[in-house]
Amino acid sequence: MMAIRKNIKCLIGYSVQVVFQVELHKKDRAILELIKSTLGVGIITDKKTRATVNYTVSCIRDLKVVIAHFDKYPLITKK
Protein backbone atom coordinates (compact mmCIF):
# COMPACT_ATOMS: atom_id res chain seq x y z
CA MET A 1 0.00 0.00 0.00
CA MET A 2 1.16 3.51 -0.69
CA ALA A 3 -0.29 6.61 0.95
CA ILE A 4 0.22 10.29 0.21
CA ARG A 5 -0.26 12.37 3.32
CA LYS A 6 -0.31 16.07 4.03
CA ASN A 7 2.86 16.93 5.98
CA ILE A 8 3.85 20.53 6.72
CA LYS A 9 7.40 19.43 7.57
CA CYS A 10 8.04 18.45 3.93
CA LEU A 11 9.14 20.98 1.33
CA ILE A 12 6.16 20.35 -0.96
CA GLY A 13 3.70 19.87 1.92
CA TYR A 14 3.14 16.15 1.35
CA SER A 15 4.92 12.91 2.16
CA VAL A 16 4.71 9.43 0.67
CA GLN A 17 4.53 6.38 2.91
CA VAL A 18 4.91 2.80 1.68
CA VAL A 19 3.45 0.03 3.84
CA PHE A 20 3.45 -3.78 3.64
CA GLN A 21 0.41 -5.13 5.48
CA VAL A 22 -1.27 -8.49 6.00
CA GLU A 23 -4.71 -8.66 7.64
CA LEU A 24 -6.15 -11.91 8.99
CA HIS A 25 -8.95 -13.00 11.30
CA LYS A 26 -8.04 -12.89 15.00
CA LYS A 27 -8.14 -16.69 15.17
CA ASP A 28 -5.16 -16.73 12.77
CA ARG A 29 -2.94 -14.40 14.85
CA ALA A 30 -0.37 -17.22 15.27
CA ILE A 31 0.32 -17.08 11.51
CA LEU A 32 1.17 -13.38 11.74
CA GLU A 33 3.36 -14.03 14.79
CA LEU A 34 5.26 -16.64 12.74
CA ILE A 35 5.71 -14.20 9.83
CA LYS A 36 6.97 -11.51 12.22
CA SER A 37 9.42 -13.86 13.92
CA THR A 38 10.68 -15.15 10.54
CA LEU A 39 11.28 -11.69 9.09
CA GLY A 40 12.33 -10.07 12.38
CA VAL A 41 10.58 -6.78 11.56
CA GLY A 42 7.15 -5.18 11.80
CA ILE A 43 4.36 -4.89 14.35
CA ILE A 44 1.11 -6.75 15.01
CA THR A 45 -1.99 -4.80 15.97
CA ASP A 46 -5.54 -5.81 16.83
CA LYS A 47 -8.42 -4.02 15.13
CA LYS A 48 -10.93 -3.15 17.86
CA THR A 49 -13.79 -2.46 15.46
CA ARG A 50 -13.32 -5.70 13.50
CA ALA A 51 -12.36 -9.27 14.26
CA THR A 52 -9.01 -8.90 12.50
CA VAL A 53 -5.31 -8.59 13.27
CA ASN A 54 -2.77 -6.71 11.13
CA TYR A 55 0.92 -7.31 10.56
CA THR A 56 2.46 -4.05 9.33
CA VAL A 57 5.91 -3.02 8.10
CA SER A 58 6.34 0.67 7.25
CA CYS A 59 9.97 1.59 7.94
CA ILE A 60 12.02 1.77 4.71
CA ARG A 61 14.88 -0.19 6.30
CA ASP A 62 12.47 -2.93 7.40
CA LEU A 63 10.69 -2.97 4.03
CA LYS A 64 14.03 -3.88 2.46
CA VAL A 65 14.00 -7.05 4.61
CA VAL A 66 10.52 -7.96 3.30
CA ILE A 67 11.50 -7.28 -0.31
CA ALA A 68 14.69 -9.36 0.04
CA HIS A 69 12.65 -12.24 1.47
CA PHE A 70 10.20 -12.24 -1.46
CA ASP A 71 13.07 -11.92 -3.95
CA LYS A 72 14.65 -15.02 -2.44
CA TYR A 73 11.36 -16.91 -1.91
CA PRO A 74 8.80 -15.75 -4.52
CA LEU A 75 5.14 -16.61 -3.97
CA ILE A 76 3.85 -19.57 -5.97
CA THR A 77 0.23 -18.70 -6.67
CA LYS A 78 -2.27 -18.22 -9.46
CA LYS A 79 -4.05 -15.25 -7.84
C-alpha atoms as a PDB file:
ATOM      1  CA  MET A   1       0.000   0.000   0.000  1.00  0.00           C
ATOM      2  CA  MET A   2       1.163   3.510  -0.686  1.00  0.00           C
ATOM      3  CA  ALA A   3      -0.285   6.615   0.953  1.00  0.00           C
ATOM      4  CA  ILE A   4       0.215  10.288   0.206  1.00  0.00           C
ATOM      5  CA  ARG A   5      -0.263  12.374   3.318  1.00  0.00           C
ATOM      6  CA  LYS A   6      -0.312  16.073   4.031  1.00  0.00           C
ATOM      7  CA  ASN A   7       2.865  16.927   5.975  1.00  0.00           C
ATOM      8  CA  ILE A   8       3.846  20.529   6.724  1.00  0.00           C
ATOM      9  CA  LYS A   9       7.398  19.430   7.570  1.00  0.00           C
ATOM     10  CA  CYS A  10       8.040  18.449   3.930  1.00  0.00           C
ATOM     11  CA  LEU A  11       9.140  20.980   1.332  1.00  0.00           C
ATOM     12  CA  ILE A  12       6.163  20.347  -0.955  1.00  0.00           C
ATOM     13  CA  GLY A  13       3.700  19.873   1.921  1.00  0.00           C
ATOM     14  CA  TYR A  14       3.141  16.153   1.349  1.00  0.00           C
ATOM     15  CA  SER A  15       4.922  12.907   2.161  1.00  0.00           C
ATOM     16  CA  VAL A  16       4.707   9.435   0.668  1.00  0.00           C
ATOM     17  CA  GLN A  17       4.531   6.376   2.908  1.00  0.00           C
ATOM     18  CA  VAL A  18       4.913   2.800   1.681  1.00  0.00           C
ATOM     19  CA  VAL A  19       3.454   0.029   3.839  1.00  0.00           C
ATOM     20  CA  PHE A  20       3.452  -3.781   3.639  1.00  0.00           C
ATOM     21  CA  GLN A  21       0.410  -5.133   5.479  1.00  0.00           C
ATOM     22  CA  VAL A  22      -1.272  -8.493   5.997  1.00  0.00           C
ATOM     23  CA  GLU A  23      -4.706  -8.658   7.636  1.00  0.00           C
ATOM     24  CA  LEU A  24      -6.149 -11.910   8.993  1.00  0.00           C
ATOM     25  CA  HIS A  25      -8.947 -12.996  11.299  1.00  0.00           C
ATOM     26  CA  LYS A  26      -8.042 -12.892  15.000  1.00  0.00           C
ATOM     27  CA  LYS A  27      -8.139 -16.689  15.169  1.00  0.00           C
ATOM     28  CA  ASP A  28      -5.159 -16.731  12.770  1.00  0.00           C
ATOM     29  CA  ARG A  29      -2.937 -14.404  14.853  1.00  0.00           C
ATOM     30  CA  ALA A  30      -0.370 -17.216  15.271  1.00  0.00           C
ATOM     31  CA  ILE A  31       0.322 -17.081  11.510  1.00  0.00           C
ATOM     32  CA  LEU A  32       1.175 -13.377  11.743  1.00  0.00           C
ATOM     33  CA  GLU A  33       3.364 -14.031  14.791  1.00  0.00           C
ATOM     34  CA  LEU A  34       5.260 -16.639  12.739  1.00  0.00           C
ATOM     35  CA  ILE A  35       5.706 -14.196   9.832  1.00  0.00           C
ATOM     36  CA  LYS A  36       6.971 -11.511  12.222  1.00  0.00           C
ATOM     37  CA  SER A  37       9.424 -13.860  13.917  1.00  0.00           C
ATOM     38  CA  THR A  38      10.684 -15.152  10.543  1.00  0.00           C
ATOM     39  CA  LEU A  39      11.277 -11.688   9.092  1.00  0.00           C
ATOM     40  CA  GLY A  40      12.334 -10.068  12.377  1.00  0.00           C
ATOM     41  CA  VAL A  41      10.581  -6.777  11.560  1.00  0.00           C
ATOM     42  CA  GLY A  42       7.147  -5.183  11.800  1.00  0.00           C
ATOM     43  CA  ILE A  43       4.362  -4.890  14.348  1.00  0.00           C
ATOM     44  CA  ILE A  44       1.114  -6.753  15.006  1.00  0.00           C
ATOM     45  CA  THR A  45      -1.986  -4.796  15.972  1.00  0.00           C
ATOM     46  CA  ASP A  46      -5.543  -5.811  16.827  1.00  0.00           C
ATOM     47  CA  LYS A  47      -8.425  -4.017  15.134  1.00  0.00           C
ATOM     48  CA  LYS A  48     -10.926  -3.154  17.862  1.00  0.00           C
ATOM     49  CA  THR A  49     -13.787  -2.457  15.462  1.00  0.00           C
ATOM     50  CA  ARG A  50     -13.321  -5.699  13.502  1.00  0.00           C
ATOM     51  CA  ALA A  51     -12.358  -9.270  14.263  1.00  0.00           C
ATOM     52  CA  THR A  52      -9.013  -8.901  12.499  1.00  0.00           C
ATOM     53  CA  VAL A  53      -5.310  -8.588  13.274  1.00  0.00           C
ATOM     54  CA  ASN A  54      -2.773  -6.708  11.127  1.00  0.00           C
ATOM     55  CA  TYR A  55       0.921  -7.314  10.556  1.00  0.00           C
ATOM     56  CA  THR A  56       2.462  -4.049   9.328  1.00  0.00           C
ATOM     57  CA  VAL A  57       5.912  -3.022   8.101  1.00  0.00           C
ATOM     58  CA  SER A  58       6.341   0.669   7.249  1.00  0.00           C
ATOM     59  CA  CYS A  59       9.967   1.594   7.945  1.00  0.00           C
ATOM     60  CA  ILE A  60      12.019   1.771   4.709  1.00  0.00           C
ATOM     61  CA  ARG A  61      14.881  -0.192   6.301  1.00  0.00           C
ATOM     62  CA  ASP A  62      12.469  -2.931   7.402  1.00  0.00           C
ATOM     63  CA  LEU A  63      10.686  -2.970   4.030  1.00  0.00           C
ATOM     64  CA  LYS A  64      14.032  -3.882   2.458  1.00  0.00           C
ATOM     65  CA  VAL A  65      13.995  -7.054   4.606  1.00  0.00           C
ATOM     66  CA  VAL A  66      10.519  -7.958   3.302  1.00  0.00           C
ATOM     67  CA  ILE A  67      11.504  -7.284  -0.314  1.00  0.00           C
ATOM     68  CA  ALA A  68      14.686  -9.357   0.035  1.00  0.00           C
ATOM     69  CA  HIS A  69      12.655 -12.244   1.466  1.00  0.00           C
ATOM     70  CA  PHE A  70      10.205 -12.238  -1.463  1.00  0.00           C
ATOM     71  CA  ASP A  71      13.067 -11.916  -3.948  1.00  0.00           C
ATOM     72  CA  LYS A  72      14.653 -15.017  -2.442  1.00  0.00           C
ATOM     73  CA  TYR A  73      11.364 -16.912  -1.910  1.00  0.00           C
ATOM     74  CA  PRO A  74       8.796 -15.749  -4.515  1.00  0.00           C
ATOM     75  CA  LEU A  75       5.141 -16.607  -3.971  1.00  0.00           C
ATOM     76  CA  ILE A  76       3.848 -19.566  -5.968  1.00  0.00           C
ATOM     77  CA  THR A  77       0.228 -18.704  -6.668  1.00  0.00           C
ATOM     78  CA  LYS A  78      -2.268 -18.217  -9.455  1.00  0.00           C
ATOM     79  CA  LYS A  79      -4.051 -15.250  -7.839  1.00  0.00           C
END
